[in-house]
Amino acid sequence: MSEFLDIDIGAGSYAQAFRAKNGQYYCSNRALHADQKICAILPIPSSLEAHLTAMRKVHKGNAVRDIKKAQRLGYACSPFVVANHMPDVVSINCSKAVRQGRAMTAAYLRTLEERGGAPTVFTPYAPPVYSTDFWISVGVFENIPGYLQGEVAVDRRLWGYITLWRIGELMIYSQILGHGDRLKDGIMYFLHQYIVEMLTDQDNPLYSGARYIMYGPWVSGQRGLRMWKNRTLFQPYYLNLVCSASIE
């Protein structure tokens, strides 16, 4: 039987939405319910090097080799404003009709026009205001001077992204997609490594007190997704929420 993980998600608006919409993922007072799923959880390591050292011991270190491949090929990662890269987002979402044995849903396959069109102005990225209840998008990019989204010069192409939520002590991968043509370059392992490194900076108030990353249920998708979770050191836990007005 999987272990319980006691976690405080705080009382912010996103934490409240998680409680309202995601009952399948958690219980309270360690009282399992019929619909509860075992979650894929990664304890945030003390350092990136500790994480890489542990990954080298899984599947002969294939994940670390993929990370190094993406680095050699010149990819770079950073938080970003989705609206600045909407044509690339649509391209990524539509690059594979089937993922993990299932057809992409209509929500992912919306056209550029249905998503509001290409940007007309560039919006600089600004970090969130709230430190324990927020979300950001983090992407993996190829630097291309003069590269356009619509008529706006962004100078880099987006090839993959993760939507990262914070609710109290928990960080959540709510969306994670890479372009089908570039997955072989190791871009999603590289992006995950970047996020882990980002979260180990406990001096940054945005991440101070964050303890775990969650990536949906432990049992989901096909062999490729299960292997990805295993290689990136996610572990199976029952999520038990503890009550708190705030974790500040």
C-alpha atoms as a PDB file:
ATOM      1  CA  MET A   1       0.000   0.000   0.000  1.00  0.00           C
ATOM      2  CA  SER A   2       1.250   3.479  -0.856  1.00  0.00           C
ATOM      3  CA  GLU A   3       2.190   5.872   1.919  1.00  0.00           C
ATOM      4  CA  PHE A   4       0.185   8.924   2.922  1.00  0.00           C
ATOM      5  CA  LEU A   5       1.690  12.318   2.244  1.00  0.00           C
ATOM      6  CA  ASP A   6       0.385  15.033   4.566  1.00  0.00           C
ATOM      7  CA  ILE A   7       0.444  18.363   2.797  1.00  0.00           C
ATOM      8  CA  ASP A   8      -0.821  21.875   3.442  1.00  0.00           C
ATOM      9  CA  ILE A   9      -2.147  23.591   0.322  1.00  0.00           C
ATOM     10  CA  GLY A  10      -3.164  26.770   2.135  1.00  0.00           C
ATOM     11  CA  ALA A  11      -6.420  28.667   1.637  1.00  0.00           C
ATOM     12  CA  GLY A  12      -5.823  30.744  -1.502  1.00  0.00           C
ATOM     13  CA  SER A  13      -8.220  30.881  -4.439  1.00  0.00           C
ATOM     14  CA  TYR A  14      -6.349  28.220  -6.434  1.00  0.00           C
ATOM     15  CA  ALA A  15      -6.162  25.970  -3.378  1.00  0.00           C
ATOM     16  CA  GLN A  16      -9.911  26.345  -2.949  1.00  0.00           C
ATOM     17  CA  ALA A  17     -10.454  25.470  -6.611  1.00  0.00           C
ATOM     18  CA  PHE A  18      -8.268  22.388  -6.203  1.00  0.00           C
ATOM     19  CA  ARG A  19     -10.352  21.232  -3.236  1.00  0.00           C
ATOM     20  CA  ALA A  20     -13.577  21.812  -5.183  1.00  0.00           C
ATOM     21  CA  LYS A  21     -12.587  20.129  -8.450  1.00  0.00           C
ATOM     22  CA  ASN A  22      -9.995  17.481  -7.656  1.00  0.00           C
ATOM     23  CA  GLY A  23     -11.476  15.272  -4.980  1.00  0.00           C
ATOM     24  CA  GLN A  24     -10.165  12.197  -6.799  1.00  0.00           C
ATOM     25  CA  TYR A  25      -6.626  13.182  -5.816  1.00  0.00           C
ATOM     26  CA  TYR A  26      -6.899  13.732  -2.077  1.00  0.00           C
ATOM     27  CA  CYS A  27      -8.482  12.835   1.237  1.00  0.00           C
ATOM     28  CA  SER A  28      -8.510  14.398   4.700  1.00  0.00           C
ATOM     29  CA  ASN A  29      -7.712  12.791   8.048  1.00  0.00           C
ATOM     30  CA  ARG A  30      -6.134   9.946   6.069  1.00  0.00           C
ATOM     31  CA  ALA A  31      -9.585   8.545   5.335  1.00  0.00           C
ATOM     32  CA  LEU A  32      -9.376   6.988   1.866  1.00  0.00           C
ATOM     33  CA  HIS A  33     -12.471   7.200  -0.309  1.00  0.00           C
ATOM     34  CA  ALA A  34     -13.646   5.033  -3.178  1.00  0.00           C
ATOM     35  CA  ASP A  35     -12.561   7.382  -5.975  1.00  0.00           C
ATOM     36  CA  GLN A  36      -9.179   8.320  -4.548  1.00  0.00           C
ATOM     37  CA  LYS A  37      -6.209   7.915  -6.858  1.00  0.00           C
ATOM     38  CA  ILE A  38      -2.591   7.361  -5.974  1.00  0.00           C
ATOM     39  CA  CYS A  39      -0.730  10.533  -6.997  1.00  0.00           C
ATOM     40  CA  ALA A  40       2.632  10.887  -8.719  1.00  0.00           C
ATOM     41  CA  ILE A  41       4.694  13.015  -6.336  1.00  0.00           C
ATOM     42  CA  LEU A  42       8.282  14.264  -6.492  1.00  0.00           C
ATOM     43  CA  PRO A  43       9.751  15.566  -3.223  1.00  0.00           C
ATOM     44  CA  ILE A  44      11.676  18.714  -4.166  1.00  0.00           C
ATOM     45  CA  PRO A  45      15.360  17.839  -3.696  1.00  0.00           C
ATOM     46  CA  SER A  46      17.889  19.849  -1.752  1.00  0.00           C
ATOM     47  CA  SER A  47      19.793  20.668  -4.931  1.00  0.00           C
ATOM     48  CA  LEU A  48      19.715  20.036  -8.680  1.00  0.00           C
ATOM     49  CA  GLU A  49      22.892  17.957  -8.404  1.00  0.00           C
ATOM     50  CA  ALA A  50      21.221  15.665  -5.879  1.00  0.00           C
ATOM     51  CA  HIS A  51      18.339  15.209  -8.312  1.00  0.00           C
ATOM     52  CA  LEU A  52      20.637  14.473 -11.254  1.00  0.00           C
ATOM     53  CA  THR A  53      22.673  12.020  -9.183  1.00  0.00           C
ATOM     54  CA  ALA A  54      19.521  10.093  -8.300  1.00  0.00           C
ATOM     55  CA  MET A  55      18.292  10.130 -11.926  1.00  0.00           C
ATOM     56  CA  ARG A  56      21.580   8.613 -13.086  1.00  0.00           C
ATOM     57  CA  LYS A  57      20.639   5.481 -11.131  1.00  0.00           C
ATOM     58  CA  VAL A  58      17.375   4.920 -13.052  1.00  0.00           C
ATOM     59  CA  HIS A  59      17.316   3.248 -16.480  1.00  0.00           C
ATOM     60  CA  LYS A  60      21.091   3.712 -16.831  1.00  0.00           C
ATOM     61  CA  GLY A  61      20.758   7.491 -16.583  1.00  0.00           C
ATOM     62  CA  ASN A  62      18.815   7.895 -19.839  1.00  0.00           C
ATOM     63  CA  ALA A  63      16.991  10.981 -18.542  1.00  0.00           C
ATOM     64  CA  VAL A  64      20.267  12.742 -17.748  1.00  0.00           C
ATOM     65  CA  ARG A  65      21.606  11.911 -21.197  1.00  0.00           C
ATOM     66  CA  ASP A  66      18.470  13.416 -22.742  1.00  0.00           C
ATOM     67  CA  ILE A  67      18.967  16.558 -20.660  1.00  0.00           C
ATOM     68  CA  LYS A  68      22.546  16.868 -21.853  1.00  0.00           C
ATOM     69  CA  LYS A  69      21.420  16.332 -25.449  1.00  0.00           C
ATOM     70  CA  ALA A  70      18.965  19.227 -25.213  1.00  0.00           C
ATOM     71  CA  GLN A  71      21.694  21.397 -23.700  1.00  0.00           C
ATOM     72  CA  ARG A  72      24.122  20.522 -26.500  1.00  0.00           C
ATOM     73  CA  LEU A  73      21.489  21.405 -29.080  1.00  0.00           C
ATOM     74  CA  GLY A  74      21.182  24.876 -27.585  1.00  0.00           C
ATOM     75  CA  TYR A  75      17.725  24.810 -26.037  1.00  0.00           C
ATOM     76  CA  ALA A  76      16.978  27.203 -23.165  1.00  0.00           C
ATOM     77  CA  CYS A  77      14.180  27.381 -20.595  1.00  0.00           C
ATOM     78  CA  SER A  78      12.367  30.189 -18.821  1.00  0.00           C
ATOM     79  CA  PRO A  79       8.943  31.310 -17.578  1.00  0.00           C
ATOM     80  CA  PHE A  80       6.999  33.067 -20.321  1.00  0.00           C
ATOM     81  CA  VAL A  81       3.807  34.878 -21.256  1.00  0.00           C
ATOM     82  CA  VAL A  82       1.593  32.456 -23.185  1.00  0.00           C
ATOM     83  CA  ALA A  83      -0.033  35.199 -25.299  1.00  0.00           C
ATOM     84  CA  ASN A  84       3.373  36.138 -26.745  1.00  0.00           C
ATOM     85  CA  HIS A  85       3.783  32.619 -28.164  1.00  0.00           C
ATOM     86  CA  MET A  86       0.230  31.582 -28.993  1.00  0.00           C
ATOM     87  CA  PRO A  87       0.997  30.425 -32.578  1.00  0.00           C
ATOM     88  CA  ASP A  88       3.733  28.160 -31.186  1.00  0.00           C
ATOM     89  CA  VAL A  89       1.407  26.867 -28.460  1.00  0.00           C
ATOM     90  CA  VAL A  90      -1.150  25.895 -31.119  1.00  0.00           C
ATOM     91  CA  SER A  91       1.603  24.235 -33.172  1.00  0.00           C
ATOM     92  CA  ILE A  92       2.754  22.208 -30.154  1.00  0.00           C
ATOM     93  CA  ASN A  93      -0.773  21.171 -29.193  1.00  0.00           C
ATOM     94  CA  CYS A  94      -1.600  20.043 -32.734  1.00  0.00           C
ATOM     95  CA  SER A  95       1.751  18.382 -33.491  1.00  0.00           C
ATOM     96  CA  LYS A  96       0.464  14.945 -32.470  1.00  0.00           C
ATOM     97  CA  ALA A  97      -3.112  13.788 -32.992  1.00  0.00           C
ATOM     98  CA  VAL A  98      -2.687  11.022 -30.410  1.00  0.00           C
ATOM     99  CA  ARG A  99      -0.740  11.133 -27.147  1.00  0.00           C
ATOM    100  CA  GLN A 100      -0.514   8.277 -24.660  1.00  0.00           C
ATOM    101  CA  GLY A 101      -2.914   6.245 -26.775  1.00  0.00           C
ATOM    102  CA  ARG A 102      -5.682   8.852 -26.643  1.00  0.00           C
ATOM    103  CA  ALA A 103      -6.804  11.403 -29.191  1.00  0.00           C
ATOM    104  CA  MET A 104      -6.103  14.987 -28.226  1.00  0.00           C
ATOM    105  CA  THR A 105      -9.195  16.661 -26.808  1.00  0.00           C
ATOM    106  CA  ALA A 106     -11.011  19.490 -28.557  1.00  0.00           C
ATOM    107  CA  ALA A 107      -9.791  21.966 -25.933  1.00  0.00           C
ATOM    108  CA  TYR A 108      -6.175  21.333 -26.960  1.00  0.00           C
ATOM    109  CA  LEU A 109      -6.954  21.387 -30.686  1.00  0.00           C
ATOM    110  CA  ARG A 110      -8.503  24.849 -30.756  1.00  0.00           C
ATOM    111  CA  THR A 111      -7.256  26.950 -33.646  1.00  0.00           C
ATOM    112  CA  LEU A 112      -5.194  30.107 -33.315  1.00  0.00           C
ATOM    113  CA  GLU A 113      -8.289  32.170 -34.079  1.00  0.00           C
ATOM    114  CA  GLU A 114     -10.283  30.333 -31.407  1.00  0.00           C
ATOM    115  CA  ARG A 115      -7.519  31.216 -28.939  1.00  0.00           C
ATOM    116  CA  GLY A 116      -7.631  34.914 -29.732  1.00  0.00           C
ATOM    117  CA  GLY A 117      -5.109  35.053 -32.580  1.00  0.00           C
ATOM    118  CA  ALA A 118      -1.431  35.941 -32.774  1.00  0.00           C
ATOM    119  CA  PRO A 119      -0.063  38.658 -30.486  1.00  0.00           C
ATOM    120  CA  THR A 120      -0.132  42.258 -31.679  1.00  0.00           C
ATOM    121  CA  VAL A 121       2.104  43.571 -28.897  1.00  0.00           C
ATOM    122  CA  PHE A 122       4.821  41.978 -26.778  1.00  0.00           C
ATOM    123  CA  THR A 123       3.944  41.557 -23.105  1.00  0.00           C
ATOM    124  CA  PRO A 124       6.984  41.385 -20.780  1.00  0.00           C
ATOM    125  CA  TYR A 125       6.964  38.536 -18.263  1.00  0.00           C
ATOM    126  CA  ALA A 126       6.298  39.622 -14.678  1.00  0.00           C
ATOM    127  CA  PRO A 127       6.589  37.175 -11.744  1.00  0.00           C
ATOM    128  CA  PRO A 128       3.377  36.483  -9.790  1.00  0.00           C
ATOM    129  CA  VAL A 129       2.522  38.697  -6.844  1.00  0.00           C
ATOM    130  CA  TYR A 130       1.329  35.965  -4.480  1.00  0.00           C
ATOM    131  CA  SER A 131       3.995  33.608  -3.245  1.00  0.00           C
ATOM    132  CA  THR A 132       1.934  30.560  -2.236  1.00  0.00           C
ATOM    133  CA  ASP A 133      -1.072  30.617  -4.601  1.00  0.00           C
ATOM    134  CA  PHE A 134      -0.303  31.256  -8.256  1.00  0.00           C
ATOM    135  CA  TRP A 135       0.414  29.716 -11.639  1.00  0.00           C
ATOM    136  CA  ILE A 136       3.021  30.323 -14.321  1.00  0.00           C
ATOM    137  CA  SER A 137       3.923  28.834 -17.692  1.00  0.00           C
ATOM    138  CA  VAL A 138       7.484  27.603 -18.167  1.00  0.00           C
ATOM    139  CA  GLY A 139       8.801  26.835 -21.645  1.00  0.00           C
ATOM    140  CA  VAL A 140      11.707  25.324 -23.523  1.00  0.00           C
ATOM    141  CA  PHE A 141      12.891  27.478 -26.410  1.00  0.00           C
ATOM    142  CA  GLU A 142      15.186  27.592 -29.419  1.00  0.00           C
ATOM    143  CA  ASN A 143      16.785  31.022 -29.813  1.00  0.00           C
ATOM    144  CA  ILE A 144      16.141  32.371 -33.335  1.00  0.00           C
ATOM    145  CA  PRO A 145      16.955  36.075 -33.826  1.00  0.00           C
ATOM    146  CA  GLY A 146      14.110  37.818 -35.632  1.00  0.00           C
ATOM    147  CA  TYR A 147      11.652  34.980 -35.033  1.00  0.00           C
ATOM    148  CA  LEU A 148       8.066  36.226 -35.214  1.00  0.00           C
ATOM    149  CA  GLN A 149       4.769  35.377 -33.613  1.00  0.00           C
ATOM    150  CA  GLY A 150       2.327  37.136 -35.890  1.00  0.00           C
ATOM    151  CA  GLU A 151       4.066  40.461 -36.477  1.00  0.00           C
ATOM    152  CA  VAL A 152       5.729  40.553 -33.055  1.00  0.00           C
ATOM    153  CA  ALA A 153       9.441  39.716 -32.840  1.00  0.00           C
ATOM    154  CA  VAL A 154      10.016  37.322 -29.950  1.00  0.00           C
ATOM    155  CA  ASP A 155      13.445  36.013 -31.100  1.00  0.00           C
ATOM    156  CA  ARG A 156      12.852  32.449 -29.936  1.00  0.00           C
ATOM    157  CA  ARG A 157      10.614  29.520 -30.800  1.00  0.00           C
ATOM    158  CA  LEU A 158       8.659  27.685 -28.140  1.00  0.00           C
ATOM    159  CA  TRP A 159       8.953  23.876 -28.437  1.00  0.00           C
ATOM    160  CA  GLY A 160       7.418  22.692 -25.174  1.00  0.00           C
ATOM    161  CA  TYR A 161       5.740  24.011 -22.053  1.00  0.00           C
ATOM    162  CA  ILE A 162       4.562  23.111 -18.567  1.00  0.00           C
ATOM    163  CA  THR A 163       1.823  24.971 -16.727  1.00  0.00           C
ATOM    164  CA  LEU A 164       2.992  25.070 -13.122  1.00  0.00           C
ATOM    165  CA  TRP A 165       0.620  25.799 -10.253  1.00  0.00           C
ATOM    166  CA  ARG A 166       1.523  26.510  -6.669  1.00  0.00           C
ATOM    167  CA  ILE A 167      -0.952  25.823  -3.875  1.00  0.00           C
ATOM    168  CA  GLY A 168       0.755  26.031  -0.502  1.00  0.00           C
ATOM    169  CA  GLU A 169       3.417  23.353  -0.174  1.00  0.00           C
ATOM    170  CA  LEU A 170       2.426  21.712  -3.467  1.00  0.00           C
ATOM    171  CA  MET A 171       3.547  22.524  -7.012  1.00  0.00           C
ATOM    172  CA  ILE A 172       1.436  20.921  -9.758  1.00  0.00           C
ATOM    173  CA  TYR A 173       2.207  20.094 -13.385  1.00  0.00           C
ATOM    174  CA  SER A 174      -1.268  20.756 -14.803  1.00  0.00           C
ATOM    175  CA  GLN A 175      -0.292  20.801 -18.496  1.00  0.00           C
ATOM    176  CA  ILE A 176       2.869  19.362 -20.006  1.00  0.00           C
ATOM    177  CA  LEU A 177       3.297  19.199 -23.762  1.00  0.00           C
ATOM    178  CA  GLY A 178       6.215  19.110 -26.165  1.00  0.00           C
ATOM    179  CA  HIS A 179       6.208  19.403 -29.941  1.00  0.00           C
ATOM    180  CA  GLY A 180       6.119  15.953 -31.494  1.00  0.00           C
ATOM    181  CA  ASP A 181       9.027  16.770 -33.827  1.00  0.00           C
ATOM    182  CA  ARG A 182      11.372  17.685 -30.963  1.00  0.00           C
ATOM    183  CA  LEU A 183      10.599  15.186 -28.202  1.00  0.00           C
ATOM    184  CA  LYS A 184      13.549  13.077 -29.368  1.00  0.00           C
ATOM    185  CA  ASP A 185      15.810  16.013 -28.460  1.00  0.00           C
ATOM    186  CA  GLY A 186      15.099  15.479 -24.752  1.00  0.00           C
ATOM    187  CA  ILE A 187      13.313  18.817 -24.409  1.00  0.00           C
ATOM    188  CA  MET A 188      10.803  17.715 -21.764  1.00  0.00           C
ATOM    189  CA  TYR A 189      13.416  16.117 -19.522  1.00  0.00           C
ATOM    190  CA  PHE A 190      15.412  19.339 -19.892  1.00  0.00           C
ATOM    191  CA  LEU A 191      12.377  21.471 -19.022  1.00  0.00           C
ATOM    192  CA  HIS A 192      11.642  19.337 -15.966  1.00  0.00           C
ATOM    193  CA  GLN A 193      15.250  19.732 -14.825  1.00  0.00           C
ATOM    194  CA  TYR A 194      14.957  23.503 -15.170  1.00  0.00           C
ATOM    195  CA  ILE A 195      11.835  23.569 -13.008  1.00  0.00           C
ATOM    196  CA  VAL A 196      13.437  21.379 -10.346  1.00  0.00           C
ATOM    197  CA  GLU A 197      16.430  23.721 -10.236  1.00  0.00           C
ATOM    198  CA  MET A 198      14.111  26.714 -10.034  1.00  0.00           C
ATOM    199  CA  LEU A 199      12.228  25.211  -7.079  1.00  0.00           C
ATOM    200  CA  THR A 200      15.383  24.397  -5.134  1.00  0.00           C
ATOM    201  CA  ASP A 201      15.953  28.155  -4.745  1.00  0.00           C
ATOM    202  CA  GLN A 202      14.241  28.425  -1.370  1.00  0.00           C
ATOM    203  CA  ASP A 203      15.533  31.987  -0.986  1.00  0.00           C
ATOM    204  CA  ASN A 204      13.077  33.013  -3.714  1.00  0.00           C
ATOM    205  CA  PRO A 205       9.777  33.888  -1.968  1.00  0.00           C
ATOM    206  CA  LEU A 206       7.824  32.393  -4.884  1.00  0.00           C
ATOM    207  CA  TYR A 207       9.159  28.929  -4.045  1.00  0.00           C
ATOM    208  CA  SER A 208      10.041  29.170  -0.366  1.00  0.00           C
ATOM    209  CA  GLY A 209       8.148  26.484   1.525  1.00  0.00           C
ATOM    210  CA  ALA A 210       7.255  24.457  -1.560  1.00  0.00           C
ATOM    211  CA  ARG A 211       7.980  20.804  -0.799  1.00  0.00           C
ATOM    212  CA  TYR A 212       6.558  18.634  -3.561  1.00  0.00           C
ATOM    213  CA  ILE A 213       5.701  18.486  -7.265  1.00  0.00           C
ATOM    214  CA  MET A 214       2.591  16.561  -8.307  1.00  0.00           C
ATOM    215  CA  TYR A 215       2.003  15.211 -11.805  1.00  0.00           C
ATOM    216  CA  GLY A 216      -1.483  13.726 -11.822  1.00  0.00           C
ATOM    217  CA  PRO A 217      -2.236  10.097 -10.943  1.00  0.00           C
ATOM    218  CA  TRP A 218       0.554   7.558 -10.547  1.00  0.00           C
ATOM    219  CA  VAL A 219      -1.152   5.159 -12.963  1.00  0.00           C
ATOM    220  CA  SER A 220      -1.974   7.017 -16.168  1.00  0.00           C
ATOM    221  CA  GLY A 221      -1.088   6.957 -19.835  1.00  0.00           C
ATOM    222  CA  GLN A 222       0.944   4.339 -21.595  1.00  0.00           C
ATOM    223  CA  ARG A 223       4.414   2.946 -21.053  1.00  0.00           C
ATOM    224  CA  GLY A 224       6.150   6.135 -22.233  1.00  0.00           C
ATOM    225  CA  LEU A 225       4.509   8.364 -19.626  1.00  0.00           C
ATOM    226  CA  ARG A 226       5.014   5.845 -16.839  1.00  0.00           C
ATOM    227  CA  MET A 227       8.672   5.595 -17.812  1.00  0.00           C
ATOM    228  CA  TRP A 228       8.988   9.412 -17.841  1.00  0.00           C
ATOM    229  CA  LYS A 229       7.625   9.653 -14.304  1.00  0.00           C
ATOM    230  CA  ASN A 230       9.921   6.879 -13.142  1.00  0.00           C
ATOM    231  CA  ARG A 231      13.005   8.420 -14.723  1.00  0.00           C
ATOM    232  CA  THR A 232      12.260  11.846 -13.246  1.00  0.00           C
ATOM    233  CA  LEU A 233      11.858  10.293  -9.765  1.00  0.00           C
ATOM    234  CA  PHE A 234       8.148  10.761  -9.152  1.00  0.00           C
ATOM    235  CA  GLN A 235       6.851   8.371  -6.497  1.00  0.00           C
ATOM    236  CA  PRO A 236       3.375   7.005  -5.592  1.00  0.00           C
ATOM    237  CA  TYR A 237       1.608   8.554  -2.605  1.00  0.00           C
ATOM    238  CA  TYR A 238      -1.888   9.030  -1.263  1.00  0.00           C
ATOM    239  CA  LEU A 239      -2.353  12.774  -0.895  1.00  0.00           C
ATOM    240  CA  ASN A 240      -3.787  13.814   2.481  1.00  0.00           C
ATOM    241  CA  LEU A 241      -4.672  17.478   2.886  1.00  0.00           C
ATOM    242  CA  VAL A 242      -4.237  19.095   6.257  1.00  0.00           C
ATOM    243  CA  CYS A 243      -6.255  22.174   7.148  1.00  0.00           C
ATOM    244  CA  SER A 244      -4.610  25.559   7.360  1.00  0.00           C
ATOM    245  CA  ALA A 245      -5.744  29.115   6.872  1.00  0.00           C
ATOM    246  CA  SER A 246      -2.341  29.937   5.439  1.00  0.00           C
ATOM    247  CA  ILE A 247       1.158  28.539   5.209  1.00  0.00           C
ATOM    248  CA  GLU A 248       2.763  31.988   5.332  1.00  0.00           C
END
